Each structure stands twice: as C-alpha cells, then as structure tokens.
Amino acid sequence: MTDLLPLIGGLIIFLGTLFLLLGGLGLFRMPDSYTRIQAGTKATTLGTLLTLLGAAIVMPGWFIKLLLIVVFIMFTNPLSSHFLARAAHRAKLKPEAYSDHLADHLAASLTSEEGEKA
C-alpha cells in the first residue's frame, strides 16, 4: 500500500494541473470579464486544492502546512472573484451574453426610494 500512495498522489496532482490548465484556457476563451472571473476562479480553486491534496498524499509530513494553505485558498479565492466582479460592475463593464439583473434591481430600488421620499 505504501508503494501505491505516490502513484495516487501523482495522479491527483496531474488532475489538479489539468484543472489549472483548463482555467488558464478559460481566461482566453470566455467572452467577457464576468465569465473570465468565474472560469479562472473556479478552475484554479479546484486545481490548486487537488494539487495540494496530491502533495499531502505524497508527503504526509506536510499535511498540516498544506491544510493551512487550503483553508487560506478557500477563503481568499471566492472573495477575490467577488471583488473583481464588483469592480467590473462598478466600472460599468457590460456582460456580453446576459442581462444585468443587478443593475435592474438597483435601478428599481432607487426609483422606489425616490417615490417614497416625494
């Protein structure tokens, strides 16, 4: 069983790097900034987590350190994608394929607030 762990870890690391490659391709292939943010964040999060899991299987002594890195990534990647999307929205970048439901909702809430004040 000990001889099988490096093989399993190497396979998981390979899957992680495959997801990272697909995330990089998604940055070039997606039509607008919002879908690029999603493709980059989701694929890189899964790819990095799989790569770290494979490294933990290959080197069990590093488990605690890799677990701390996983926790850090799980907190920072979704937050960074959220703030990137929010900055793109504030810069008034329009999505190419979809309607902007957030802008519609904000416009409706602003008009209802103005109606209440009058």
PDB file of N, CA and C in Angstrom:
ATOM      1  N   MET A   1       0.824  -1.203   0.000  1.00  0.00           N
ATOM      2  CA  MET A   1       0.000   0.000   0.000  1.00  0.00           C
ATOM      3  C   MET A   1       0.865   1.263   0.000  1.00  0.00           C
ATOM      4  N   THR A   2       2.007   1.200   0.638  1.00  0.00           N
ATOM      5  CA  THR A   2       2.899   2.354   0.699  1.00  0.00           C
ATOM      6  C   THR A   2       3.436   2.700  -0.681  1.00  0.00           C
ATOM      7  N   ASP A   3       3.632   1.702  -1.526  1.00  0.00           N
ATOM      8  CA  ASP A   3       4.119   1.963  -2.874  1.00  0.00           C
ATOM      9  C   ASP A   3       3.046   2.565  -3.772  1.00  0.00           C
ATOM     10  N   LEU A   4       1.788   2.384  -3.393  1.00  0.00           N
ATOM     11  CA  LEU A   4       0.680   2.891  -4.197  1.00  0.00           C
ATOM     12  C   LEU A   4       0.386   4.369  -3.926  1.00  0.00           C
ATOM     13  N   LEU A   5       0.746   4.868  -2.734  1.00  0.00           N
ATOM     14  CA  LEU A   5       0.440   6.261  -2.375  1.00  0.00           C
ATOM     15  C   LEU A   5       1.104   7.285  -3.299  1.00  0.00           C
ATOM     16  N   PRO A   6       2.393   7.139  -3.667  1.00  0.00           N
ATOM     17  CA  PRO A   6       2.955   8.126  -4.598  1.00  0.00           C
ATOM     18  C   PRO A   6       2.270   8.115  -5.960  1.00  0.00           C
ATOM     19  N   LEU A   7       1.813   6.957  -6.402  1.00  0.00           N
ATOM     20  CA  LEU A   7       1.100   6.879  -7.680  1.00  0.00           C
ATOM     21  C   LEU A   7      -0.248   7.595  -7.592  1.00  0.00           C
ATOM     22  N   ILE A   8      -0.975   7.353  -6.521  1.00  0.00           N
ATOM     23  CA  ILE A   8      -2.270   8.026  -6.329  1.00  0.00           C
ATOM     24  C   ILE A   8      -2.063   9.537  -6.186  1.00  0.00           C
ATOM     25  N   GLY A   9      -1.066   9.930  -5.394  1.00  0.00           N
ATOM     26  CA  GLY A   9      -0.765  11.357  -5.228  1.00  0.00           C
ATOM     27  C   GLY A   9      -0.368  12.005  -6.537  1.00  0.00           C
ATOM     28  N   GLY A  10       0.443  11.307  -7.337  1.00  0.00           N
ATOM     29  CA  GLY A  10       0.836  11.848  -8.638  1.00  0.00           C
ATOM     30  C   GLY A  10      -0.342  12.005  -9.577  1.00  0.00           C
ATOM     31  N   LEU A  11      -1.278  11.049  -9.533  1.00  0.00           N
ATOM     32  CA  LEU A  11      -2.479  11.141 -10.368  1.00  0.00           C
ATOM     33  C   LEU A  11      -3.347  12.333  -9.954  1.00  0.00           C
ATOM     34  N   ILE A  12      -3.486  12.544  -8.662  1.00  0.00           N
ATOM     35  CA  ILE A  12      -4.291  13.677  -8.186  1.00  0.00           C
ATOM     36  C   ILE A  12      -3.602  15.000  -8.519  1.00  0.00           C
ATOM     37  N   ILE A  13      -2.283  15.044  -8.414  1.00  0.00           N
ATOM     38  CA  ILE A  13      -1.545  16.250  -8.810  1.00  0.00           C
ATOM     39  C   ILE A  13      -1.732  16.509 -10.304  1.00  0.00           C
ATOM     40  N   PHE A  14      -1.705  15.445 -11.107  1.00  0.00           N
ATOM     41  CA  PHE A  14      -1.931  15.611 -12.545  1.00  0.00           C
ATOM     42  C   PHE A  14      -3.323  16.159 -12.825  1.00  0.00           C
ATOM     43  N   LEU A  15      -4.341  15.643 -12.125  1.00  0.00           N
ATOM     44  CA  LEU A  15      -5.699  16.178 -12.303  1.00  0.00           C
ATOM     45  C   LEU A  15      -5.774  17.648 -11.899  1.00  0.00           C
ATOM     46  N   GLY A  16      -5.075  18.002 -10.827  1.00  0.00           N
ATOM     47  CA  GLY A  16      -5.050  19.405 -10.397  1.00  0.00           C
ATOM     48  C   GLY A  16      -4.416  20.308 -11.429  1.00  0.00           C
ATOM     49  N   THR A  17      -3.308  19.859 -12.007  1.00  0.00           N
ATOM     50  CA  THR A  17      -2.667  20.685 -13.034  1.00  0.00           C
ATOM     51  C   THR A  17      -3.510  20.752 -14.300  1.00  0.00           C
ATOM     52  N   LEU A  18      -4.282  19.711 -14.571  1.00  0.00           N
ATOM     53  CA  LEU A  18      -5.197  19.740 -15.714  1.00  0.00           C
ATOM     54  C   LEU A  18      -6.282  20.790 -15.505  1.00  0.00           C
ATOM     55  N   PHE A  19      -6.829  20.851 -14.291  1.00  0.00           N
ATOM     56  CA  PHE A  19      -7.813  21.889 -13.999  1.00  0.00           C
ATOM     57  C   PHE A  19      -7.200  23.279 -14.075  1.00  0.00           C
ATOM     58  N   LEU A  20      -5.969  23.432 -13.631  1.00  0.00           N
ATOM     59  CA  LEU A  20      -5.302  24.729 -13.732  1.00  0.00           C
ATOM     60  C   LEU A  20      -5.100  25.119 -15.196  1.00  0.00           C
ATOM     61  N   LEU A  21      -4.754  24.145 -16.029  1.00  0.00           N
ATOM     62  CA  LEU A  21      -4.606  24.416 -17.457  1.00  0.00           C
ATOM     63  C   LEU A  21      -5.940  24.830 -18.075  1.00  0.00           C
ATOM     64  N   LEU A  22      -7.005  24.128 -17.710  1.00  0.00           N
ATOM     65  CA  LEU A  22      -8.326  24.481 -18.234  1.00  0.00           C
ATOM     66  C   LEU A  22      -8.774  25.860 -17.753  1.00  0.00           C
ATOM     67  N   GLY A  23      -8.420  26.215 -16.529  1.00  0.00           N
ATOM     68  CA  GLY A  23      -8.728  27.558 -16.042  1.00  0.00           C
ATOM     69  C   GLY A  23      -7.990  28.620 -16.819  1.00  0.00           C
ATOM     70  N   GLY A  24      -6.737  28.337 -17.163  1.00  0.00           N
ATOM     71  CA  GLY A  24      -5.972  29.279 -17.980  1.00  0.00           C
ATOM     72  C   GLY A  24      -6.552  29.422 -19.376  1.00  0.00           C
ATOM     73  N   LEU A  25      -7.002  28.318 -19.951  1.00  0.00           N
ATOM     74  CA  LEU A  25      -7.652  28.395 -21.263  1.00  0.00           C
ATOM     75  C   LEU A  25      -8.972  29.147 -21.188  1.00  0.00           C
ATOM     76  N   GLY A  26      -9.673  28.983 -20.071  1.00  0.00           N
ATOM     77  CA  GLY A  26     -10.934  29.697 -19.894  1.00  0.00           C
ATOM     78  C   GLY A  26     -10.754  31.198 -19.881  1.00  0.00           C
ATOM     79  N   LEU A  27      -9.606  31.656 -19.396  1.00  0.00           N
ATOM     80  CA  LEU A  27      -9.342  33.103 -19.397  1.00  0.00           C
ATOM     81  C   LEU A  27      -9.235  33.652 -20.810  1.00  0.00           C
ATOM     82  N   PHE A  28      -8.773  32.837 -21.747  1.00  0.00           N
ATOM     83  CA  PHE A  28      -8.654  33.288 -23.136  1.00  0.00           C
ATOM     84  C   PHE A  28      -9.935  33.071 -23.927  1.00  0.00           C
ATOM     85  N   ARG A  29     -10.696  32.049 -23.599  1.00  0.00           N
ATOM     86  CA  ARG A  29     -11.836  31.663 -24.414  1.00  0.00           C
ATOM     87  C   ARG A  29     -13.145  32.355 -24.044  1.00  0.00           C
ATOM     88  N   MET A  30     -13.283  32.806 -22.831  1.00  0.00           N
ATOM     89  CA  MET A  30     -14.552  33.386 -22.395  1.00  0.00           C
ATOM     90  C   MET A  30     -14.747  34.781 -22.968  1.00  0.00           C
ATOM     91  N   PRO A  31     -16.001  35.173 -23.244  1.00  0.00           N
ATOM     92  CA  PRO A  31     -16.248  36.407 -23.981  1.00  0.00           C
ATOM     93  C   PRO A  31     -16.128  37.696 -23.180  1.00  0.00           C
ATOM     94  N   ASP A  32     -16.431  37.677 -21.897  1.00  0.00           N
ATOM     95  CA  ASP A  32     -16.398  38.932 -21.142  1.00  0.00           C
ATOM     96  C   ASP A  32     -15.724  38.729 -19.795  1.00  0.00           C
ATOM     97  N   SER A  33     -15.566  39.816 -19.072  1.00  0.00           N
ATOM     98  CA  SER A  33     -14.796  39.762 -17.834  1.00  0.00           C
ATOM     99  C   SER A  33     -15.498  38.943 -16.754  1.00  0.00           C
ATOM    100  N   TYR A  34     -16.805  38.939 -16.726  1.00  0.00           N
ATOM    101  CA  TYR A  34     -17.525  38.206 -15.687  1.00  0.00           C
ATOM    102  C   TYR A  34     -17.339  36.698 -15.837  1.00  0.00           C
ATOM    103  N   THR A  35     -17.442  36.199 -17.044  1.00  0.00           N
ATOM    104  CA  THR A  35     -17.252  34.766 -17.243  1.00  0.00           C
ATOM    105  C   THR A  35     -15.784  34.390 -17.109  1.00  0.00           C
ATOM    106  N   ARG A  36     -14.884  35.296 -17.432  1.00  0.00           N
ATOM    107  CA  ARG A  36     -13.455  35.028 -17.212  1.00  0.00           C
ATOM    108  C   ARG A  36     -13.149  34.916 -15.728  1.00  0.00           C
ATOM    109  N   ILE A  37     -13.767  35.771 -14.935  1.00  0.00           N
ATOM    110  CA  ILE A  37     -13.562  35.698 -13.485  1.00  0.00           C
ATOM    111  C   ILE A  37     -14.047  34.356 -12.960  1.00  0.00           C
ATOM    112  N   GLN A  38     -15.219  33.929 -13.402  1.00  0.00           N
ATOM    113  CA  GLN A  38     -15.763  32.662 -12.929  1.00  0.00           C
ATOM    114  C   GLN A  38     -14.895  31.489 -13.376  1.00  0.00           C
ATOM    115  N   ALA A  39     -14.503  31.479 -14.638  1.00  0.00           N
ATOM    116  CA  ALA A  39     -13.688  30.370 -15.143  1.00  0.00           C
ATOM    117  C   ALA A  39     -12.342  30.323 -14.429  1.00  0.00           C
ATOM    118  N   GLY A  40     -11.743  31.464 -14.258  1.00  0.00           N
ATOM    119  CA  GLY A  40     -10.450  31.493 -13.595  1.00  0.00           C
ATOM    120  C   GLY A  40     -10.520  31.091 -12.135  1.00  0.00           C
ATOM    121  N   THR A  41     -11.512  31.575 -11.428  1.00  0.00           N
ATOM    122  CA  THR A  41     -11.589  31.309 -10.001  1.00  0.00           C
ATOM    123  C   THR A  41     -11.980  29.871  -9.699  1.00  0.00           C
ATOM    124  N   LYS A  42     -13.016  29.395 -10.342  1.00  0.00           N
ATOM    125  CA  LYS A  42     -13.485  28.043 -10.023  1.00  0.00           C
ATOM    126  C   LYS A  42     -12.461  26.986 -10.411  1.00  0.00           C
ATOM    127  N   ALA A  43     -11.894  27.116 -11.593  1.00  0.00           N
ATOM    128  CA  ALA A  43     -10.933  26.109 -12.045  1.00  0.00           C
ATOM    129  C   ALA A  43      -9.637  26.181 -11.248  1.00  0.00           C
ATOM    130  N   THR A  44      -9.176  27.378 -10.950  1.00  0.00           N
ATOM    131  CA  THR A  44      -7.928  27.459 -10.198  1.00  0.00           C
ATOM    132  C   THR A  44      -8.108  27.020  -8.747  1.00  0.00           C
ATOM    133  N   THR A  45      -9.276  27.268  -8.177  1.00  0.00           N
ATOM    134  CA  THR A  45      -9.519  26.793  -6.823  1.00  0.00           C
ATOM    135  C   THR A  45      -9.494  25.272  -6.781  1.00  0.00           C
ATOM    136  N   LEU A  46     -10.247  24.638  -7.662  1.00  0.00           N
ATOM    137  CA  LEU A  46     -10.273  23.177  -7.677  1.00  0.00           C
ATOM    138  C   LEU A  46      -8.914  22.608  -8.056  1.00  0.00           C
ATOM    139  N   GLY A  47      -8.247  23.200  -9.035  1.00  0.00           N
ATOM    140  CA  GLY A  47      -6.935  22.719  -9.445  1.00  0.00           C
ATOM    141  C   GLY A  47      -5.898  22.828  -8.342  1.00  0.00           C
ATOM    142  N   THR A  48      -5.900  23.944  -7.646  1.00  0.00           N
ATOM    143  CA  THR A  48      -4.945  24.118  -6.553  1.00  0.00           C
ATOM    144  C   THR A  48      -5.242  23.176  -5.403  1.00  0.00           C
ATOM    145  N   LEU A  49      -6.517  22.998  -5.080  1.00  0.00           N
ATOM    146  CA  LEU A  49      -6.868  22.084  -3.989  1.00  0.00           C
ATOM    147  C   LEU A  49      -6.504  20.648  -4.335  1.00  0.00           C
ATOM    148  N   LEU A  50      -6.732  20.236  -5.572  1.00  0.00           N
ATOM    149  CA  LEU A  50      -6.336  18.882  -5.971  1.00  0.00           C
ATOM    150  C   LEU A  50      -4.815  18.722  -5.950  1.00  0.00           C
ATOM    151  N   THR A  51      -4.102  19.731  -6.400  1.00  0.00           N
ATOM    152  CA  THR A  51      -2.646  19.662  -6.376  1.00  0.00           C
ATOM    153  C   THR A  51      -2.125  19.562  -4.941  1.00  0.00           C
ATOM    154  N   LEU A  52      -2.693  20.331  -4.039  1.00  0.00           N
ATOM    155  CA  LEU A  52      -2.275  20.265  -2.646  1.00  0.00           C
ATOM    156  C   LEU A  52      -2.667  18.943  -1.997  1.00  0.00           C
ATOM    157  N   LEU A  53      -3.823  18.399  -2.368  1.00  0.00           N
ATOM    158  CA  LEU A  53      -4.222  17.086  -1.850  1.00  0.00           C
ATOM    159  C   LEU A  53      -3.253  16.007  -2.324  1.00  0.00           C
ATOM    160  N   GLY A  54      -2.876  16.070  -3.583  1.00  0.00           N
ATOM    161  CA  GLY A  54      -1.899  15.117  -4.096  1.00  0.00           C
ATOM    162  C   GLY A  54      -0.560  15.256  -3.401  1.00  0.00           C
ATOM    163  N   ALA A  55      -0.144  16.478  -3.132  1.00  0.00           N
ATOM    164  CA  ALA A  55       1.111  16.690  -2.412  1.00  0.00           C
ATOM    165  C   ALA A  55       1.022  16.160  -0.988  1.00  0.00           C
ATOM    166  N   ALA A  56      -0.143  16.291  -0.353  1.00  0.00           N
ATOM    167  CA  ALA A  56      -0.326  15.767   1.003  1.00  0.00           C
ATOM    168  C   ALA A  56      -0.283  14.239   1.010  1.00  0.00           C
ATOM    169  N   ILE A  57      -0.766  13.616  -0.055  1.00  0.00           N
ATOM    170  CA  ILE A  57      -0.713  12.156  -0.128  1.00  0.00           C
ATOM    171  C   ILE A  57       0.726  11.687  -0.350  1.00  0.00           C
ATOM    172  N   VAL A  58       1.445  12.394  -1.196  1.00  0.00           N
ATOM    173  CA  VAL A  58       2.831  12.018  -1.472  1.00  0.00           C
ATOM    174  C   VAL A  58       3.723  12.294  -0.260  1.00  0.00           C
ATOM    175  N   MET A  59       3.529  13.434   0.400  1.00  0.00           N
ATOM    176  CA  MET A  59       4.344  13.824   1.559  1.00  0.00           C
ATOM    177  C   MET A  59       3.442  14.019   2.774  1.00  0.00           C
ATOM    178  N   PRO A  60       3.114  12.948   3.500  1.00  0.00           N
ATOM    179  CA  PRO A  60       2.187  13.074   4.641  1.00  0.00           C
ATOM    180  C   PRO A  60       2.702  13.980   5.761  1.00  0.00           C
ATOM    181  N   GLY A  61       3.983  14.197   5.843  1.00  0.00           N
ATOM    182  CA  GLY A  61       4.528  15.085   6.872  1.00  0.00           C
ATOM    183  C   GLY A  61       4.167  16.544   6.654  1.00  0.00           C
ATOM    184  N   TRP A  62       3.779  16.888   5.470  1.00  0.00           N
ATOM    185  CA  TRP A  62       3.413  18.262   5.139  1.00  0.00           C
ATOM    186  C   TRP A  62       1.917  18.537   5.299  1.00  0.00           C
ATOM    187  N   PHE A  63       1.160  17.582   5.827  1.00  0.00           N
ATOM    188  CA  PHE A  63      -0.301  17.682   5.830  1.00  0.00           C
ATOM    189  C   PHE A  63      -0.804  18.952   6.519  1.00  0.00           C
ATOM    190  N   ILE A  64      -0.283  19.270   7.692  1.00  0.00           N
ATOM    191  CA  ILE A  64      -0.781  20.436   8.442  1.00  0.00           C
ATOM    192  C   ILE A  64      -0.501  21.726   7.672  1.00  0.00           C
ATOM    193  N   LYS A  65       0.681  21.845   7.120  1.00  0.00           N
ATOM    194  CA  LYS A  65       1.017  23.058   6.358  1.00  0.00           C
ATOM    195  C   LYS A  65       0.127  23.182   5.123  1.00  0.00           C
ATOM    196  N   LEU A  66      -0.078  22.075   4.433  1.00  0.00           N
ATOM    197  CA  LEU A  66      -0.926  22.114   3.238  1.00  0.00           C
ATOM    198  C   LEU A  66      -2.382  22.381   3.593  1.00  0.00           C
ATOM    199  N   LEU A  67      -2.820  21.886   4.736  1.00  0.00           N
ATOM    200  CA  LEU A  67      -4.187  22.159   5.190  1.00  0.00           C
ATOM    201  C   LEU A  67      -4.382  23.643   5.463  1.00  0.00           C
ATOM    202  N   LEU A  68      -3.388  24.289   6.042  1.00  0.00           N
ATOM    203  CA  LEU A  68      -3.473  25.738   6.264  1.00  0.00           C
ATOM    204  C   LEU A  68      -3.545  26.505   4.943  1.00  0.00           C
ATOM    205  N   ILE A  69      -2.790  26.050   3.953  1.00  0.00           N
ATOM    206  CA  ILE A  69      -2.838  26.689   2.634  1.00  0.00           C
ATOM    207  C   ILE A  69      -4.212  26.494   2.013  1.00  0.00           C
ATOM    208  N   VAL A  70      -4.788  25.296   2.163  1.00  0.00           N
ATOM    209  CA  VAL A  70      -6.132  25.017   1.625  1.00  0.00           C
ATOM    210  C   VAL A  70      -7.165  25.943   2.261  1.00  0.00           C
ATOM    211  N   VAL A  71      -7.096  26.104   3.577  1.00  0.00           N
ATOM    212  CA  VAL A  71      -8.049  26.992   4.263  1.00  0.00           C
ATOM    213  C   VAL A  71      -7.888  28.423   3.760  1.00  0.00           C
ATOM    214  N   PHE A  72      -6.662  28.872   3.596  1.00  0.00           N
ATOM    215  CA  PHE A  72      -6.412  30.221   3.087  1.00  0.00           C
ATOM    216  C   PHE A  72      -6.989  30.392   1.686  1.00  0.00           C
ATOM    217  N   ILE A  73      -6.787  29.404   0.825  1.00  0.00           N
ATOM    218  CA  ILE A  73      -7.302  29.480  -0.547  1.00  0.00           C
ATOM    219  C   ILE A  73      -8.825  29.451  -0.564  1.00  0.00           C
ATOM    220  N   MET A  74      -9.412  28.645   0.301  1.00  0.00           N
ATOM    221  CA  MET A  74     -10.877  28.566   0.331  1.00  0.00           C
ATOM    222  C   MET A  74     -11.507  29.884   0.768  1.00  0.00           C
ATOM    223  N   PHE A  75     -10.792  30.674   1.555  1.00  0.00           N
ATOM    224  CA  PHE A  75     -11.317  31.985   1.944  1.00  0.00           C
ATOM    225  C   PHE A  75     -11.013  33.064   0.909  1.00  0.00           C
ATOM    226  N   THR A  76      -9.821  33.047   0.346  1.00  0.00           N
ATOM    227  CA  THR A  76      -9.412  34.175  -0.484  1.00  0.00           C
ATOM    228  C   THR A  76      -9.888  34.098  -1.930  1.00  0.00           C
ATOM    229  N   ASN A  77      -9.947  32.926  -2.533  1.00  0.00           N
ATOM    230  CA  ASN A  77     -10.355  32.856  -3.942  1.00  0.00           C
ATOM    231  C   ASN A  77     -11.791  33.315  -4.169  1.00  0.00           C
ATOM    232  N   PRO A  78     -12.787  32.845  -3.402  1.00  0.00           N
ATOM    233  CA  PRO A  78     -14.141  33.379  -3.629  1.00  0.00           C
ATOM    234  C   PRO A  78     -14.250  34.874  -3.346  1.00  0.00           C
ATOM    235  N   LEU A  79     -13.555  35.342  -2.322  1.00  0.00           N
ATOM    236  CA  LEU A  79     -13.601  36.782  -2.025  1.00  0.00           C
ATOM    237  C   LEU A  79     -12.976  37.604  -3.134  1.00  0.00           C
ATOM    238  N   SER A  80     -11.860  37.135  -3.651  1.00  0.00           N
ATOM    239  CA  SER A  80     -11.212  37.906  -4.714  1.00  0.00           C
ATOM    240  C   SER A  80     -12.070  37.938  -5.973  1.00  0.00           C
ATOM    241  N   SER A  81     -12.711  36.825  -6.312  1.00  0.00           N
ATOM    242  CA  SER A  81     -13.574  36.842  -7.500  1.00  0.00           C
ATOM    243  C   SER A  81     -14.786  37.738  -7.287  1.00  0.00           C
ATOM    244  N   HIS A  82     -15.310  37.750  -6.075  1.00  0.00           N
ATOM    245  CA  HIS A  82     -16.444  38.630  -5.782  1.00  0.00           C
ATOM    246  C   HIS A  82     -16.055  40.097  -5.954  1.00  0.00           C
ATOM    247  N   PHE A  83     -14.905  40.478  -5.428  1.00  0.00           N
ATOM    248  CA  PHE A  83     -14.485  41.866  -5.533  1.00  0.00           C
ATOM    249  C   PHE A  83     -14.089  42.243  -6.955  1.00  0.00           C
ATOM    250  N   LEU A  84     -13.533  41.311  -7.704  1.00  0.00           N
ATOM    251  CA  LEU A  84     -13.244  41.591  -9.112  1.00  0.00           C
ATOM    252  C   LEU A  84     -14.531  41.819  -9.897  1.00  0.00           C
ATOM    253  N   ALA A  85     -15.536  40.979  -9.655  1.00  0.00           N
ATOM    254  CA  ALA A  85     -16.817  41.149 -10.347  1.00  0.00           C
ATOM    255  C   ALA A  85     -17.486  42.452  -9.923  1.00  0.00           C
ATOM    256  N   ARG A  86     -17.375  42.787  -8.658  1.00  0.00           N
ATOM    257  CA  ARG A  86     -17.972  44.026  -8.180  1.00  0.00           C
ATOM    258  C   ARG A  86     -17.277  45.246  -8.787  1.00  0.00           C
ATOM    259  N   ALA A  87     -15.958  45.173  -8.895  1.00  0.00           N
ATOM    260  CA  ALA A  87     -15.215  46.278  -9.521  1.00  0.00           C
ATOM    261  C   ALA A  87     -15.556  46.388 -10.998  1.00  0.00           C
ATOM    262  N   ALA A  88     -15.729  45.255 -11.668  1.00  0.00           N
ATOM    263  CA  ALA A  88     -16.112  45.294 -13.082  1.00  0.00           C
ATOM    264  C   ALA A  88     -17.509  45.892 -13.233  1.00  0.00           C
ATOM    265  N   HIS A  89     -18.393  45.577 -12.308  1.00  0.00           N
ATOM    266  CA  HIS A  89     -19.747  46.136 -12.374  1.00  0.00           C
ATOM    267  C   HIS A  89     -19.735  47.640 -12.114  1.00  0.00           C
ATOM    268  N   ARG A  90     -18.932  48.066 -11.156  1.00  0.00           N
ATOM    269  CA  ARG A  90     -18.845  49.498 -10.867  1.00  0.00           C
ATOM    270  C   ARG A  90     -18.172  50.266 -11.996  1.00  0.00           C
ATOM    271  N   ALA A  91     -17.299  49.576 -12.748  1.00  0.00           N
ATOM    272  CA  ALA A  91     -16.668  50.209 -13.912  1.00  0.00           C
ATOM    273  C   ALA A  91     -17.600  50.186 -15.122  1.00  0.00           C
ATOM    274  N   LYS A  92     -18.816  49.687 -14.899  1.00  0.00           N
ATOM    275  CA  LYS A  92     -19.871  49.627 -15.912  1.00  0.00           C
ATOM    276  C   LYS A  92     -19.495  48.768 -17.117  1.00  0.00           C
ATOM    277  N   LEU A  93     -18.767  47.687 -16.863  1.00  0.00           N
ATOM    278  CA  LEU A  93     -18.497  46.711 -17.915  1.00  0.00           C
ATOM    279  C   LEU A  93     -19.742  45.869 -18.119  1.00  0.00           C
ATOM    280  N   LYS A  94     -20.211  45.801 -19.321  1.00  0.00           N
ATOM    281  CA  LYS A  94     -21.442  45.080 -19.623  1.00  0.00           C
ATOM    282  C   LYS A  94     -21.134  43.629 -19.963  1.00  0.00           C
ATOM    283  N   PRO A  95     -21.937  42.716 -19.426  1.00  0.00           N
ATOM    284  CA  PRO A  95     -21.802  41.321 -19.866  1.00  0.00           C
ATOM    285  C   PRO A  95     -22.265  41.191 -21.311  1.00  0.00           C
ATOM    286  N   GLU A  96     -21.604  40.330 -22.066  1.00  0.00           N
ATOM    287  CA  GLU A  96     -21.951  40.205 -23.481  1.00  0.00           C
ATOM    288  C   GLU A  96     -23.194  39.363 -23.710  1.00  0.00           C
ATOM    289  N   ALA A  97     -23.340  38.292 -22.977  1.00  0.00           N
ATOM    290  CA  ALA A  97     -24.378  37.328 -23.317  1.00  0.00           C
ATOM    291  C   ALA A  97     -25.628  37.432 -22.449  1.00  0.00           C
ATOM    292  N   TYR A  98     -25.556  38.121 -21.331  1.00  0.00           N
ATOM    293  CA  TYR A  98     -26.662  38.088 -20.382  1.00  0.00           C
ATOM    294  C   TYR A  98     -27.086  39.496 -20.008  1.00  0.00           C
ATOM    295  N   SER A  99     -28.300  39.601 -19.468  1.00  0.00           N
ATOM    296  CA  SER A  99     -28.752  40.900 -18.994  1.00  0.00           C
ATOM    297  C   SER A  99     -28.191  41.145 -17.598  1.00  0.00           C
ATOM    298  N   ASP A 100     -28.157  42.386 -17.207  1.00  0.00           N
ATOM    299  CA  ASP A 100     -27.585  42.777 -15.928  1.00  0.00           C
ATOM    300  C   ASP A 100     -28.708  42.897 -14.904  1.00  0.00           C
ATOM    301  N   HIS A 101     -28.968  41.828 -14.186  1.00  0.00           N
ATOM    302  CA  HIS A 101     -30.059  41.812 -13.217  1.00  0.00           C
ATOM    303  C   HIS A 101     -29.752  42.695 -12.011  1.00  0.00           C
ATOM    304  N   LEU A 102     -28.484  42.797 -11.640  1.00  0.00           N
ATOM    305  CA  LEU A 102     -28.129  43.632 -10.502  1.00  0.00           C
ATOM    306  C   LEU A 102     -28.412  45.103 -10.797  1.00  0.00           C
ATOM    307  N   ALA A 103     -28.066  45.568 -11.976  1.00  0.00           N
ATOM    308  CA  ALA A 103     -28.325  46.965 -12.327  1.00  0.00           C
ATOM    309  C   ALA A 103     -29.831  47.230 -12.394  1.00  0.00           C
ATOM    310  N   ASP A 104     -30.585  46.273 -12.919  1.00  0.00           N
ATOM    311  CA  ASP A 104     -32.044  46.431 -12.959  1.00  0.00           C
ATOM    312  C   ASP A 104     -32.618  46.516 -11.550  1.00  0.00           C
ATOM    313  N   HIS A 105     -32.126  45.663 -10.658  1.00  0.00           N
ATOM    314  CA  HIS A 105     -32.612  45.658  -9.278  1.00  0.00           C
ATOM    315  C   HIS A 105     -32.248  46.959  -8.569  1.00  0.00           C
ATOM    316  N   LEU A 106     -31.008  47.425  -8.765  1.00  0.00           N
ATOM    317  CA  LEU A 106     -30.589  48.671  -8.128  1.00  0.00           C
ATOM    318  C   LEU A 106     -31.369  49.861  -8.669  1.00  0.00           C
ATOM    319  N   ALA A 107     -31.630  49.876  -9.966  1.00  0.00           N
ATOM    320  CA  ALA A 107     -32.407  50.969 -10.547  1.00  0.00           C
ATOM    321  C   ALA A 107     -33.831  50.953 -10.015  1.00  0.00           C
ATOM    322  N   ALA A 108     -34.403  49.766  -9.861  1.00  0.00           N
ATOM    323  CA  ALA A 108     -35.770  49.670  -9.342  1.00  0.00           C
ATOM    324  C   ALA A 108     -35.824  50.107  -7.881  1.00  0.00           C
ATOM    325  N   SER A 109     -34.819  49.735  -7.100  1.00  0.00           N
ATOM    326  CA  SER A 109     -34.828  50.133  -5.692  1.00  0.00           C
ATOM    327  C   SER A 109     -34.589  51.634  -5.538  1.00  0.00           C
ATOM    328  N   LEU A 110     -33.773  52.213  -6.412  1.00  0.00           N
ATOM    329  CA  LEU A 110     -33.550  53.668  -6.346  1.00  0.00           C
ATOM    330  C   LEU A 110     -34.816  54.426  -6.704  1.00  0.00           C
ATOM    331  N   THR A 111     -35.539  53.975  -7.714  1.00  0.00           N
ATOM    332  CA  THR A 111     -36.771  54.678  -8.097  1.00  0.00           C
ATOM    333  C   THR A 111     -37.833  54.522  -7.035  1.00  0.00           C
ATOM    334  N   SER A 112     -37.879  53.367  -6.362  1.00  0.00           N
ATOM    335  CA  SER A 112     -38.878  53.197  -5.293  1.00  0.00           C
ATOM    336  C   SER A 112     -38.527  54.055  -4.093  1.00  0.00           C
ATOM    337  N   GLU A 113     -37.227  54.224  -3.789  1.00  0.00           N
ATOM    338  CA  GLU A 113     -36.817  55.102  -2.687  1.00  0.00           C
ATOM    339  C   GLU A 113     -37.126  56.561  -2.997  1.00  0.00           C
ATOM    340  N   GLU A 114     -36.948  56.970  -4.253  1.00  0.00           N
ATOM    341  CA  GLU A 114     -37.252  58.344  -4.639  1.00  0.00           C
ATOM    342  C   GLU A 114     -38.753  58.590  -4.576  1.00  0.00           C
ATOM    343  N   GLY A 115     -39.554  57.575  -4.909  1.00  0.00           N
ATOM    344  CA  GLY A 115     -41.000  57.720  -4.828  1.00  0.00           C
ATOM    345  C   GLY A 115     -41.480  57.835  -3.399  1.00  0.00           C
ATOM    346  N   GLU A 116     -40.793  57.139  -2.467  1.00  0.00           N
ATOM    347  CA  GLU A 116     -41.174  57.205  -1.065  1.00  0.00           C
ATOM    348  C   GLU A 116     -40.813  58.556  -0.458  1.00  0.00           C
ATOM    349  N   LYS A 117     -39.717  59.174  -0.926  1.00  0.00           N
ATOM    350  CA  LYS A 117     -39.291  60.458  -0.385  1.00  0.00           C
ATOM    351  C   LYS A 117     -40.195  61.594  -0.834  1.00  0.00           C
ATOM    352  N   ALA A 118     -40.808  61.435  -2.021  1.00  0.00           N
ATOM    353  CA  ALA A 118     -41.623  62.515  -2.559  1.00  0.00           C
ATOM    354  C   ALA A 118     -42.983  62.586  -1.958  1.00  0.00           C
TER     355      ALA A 118
END
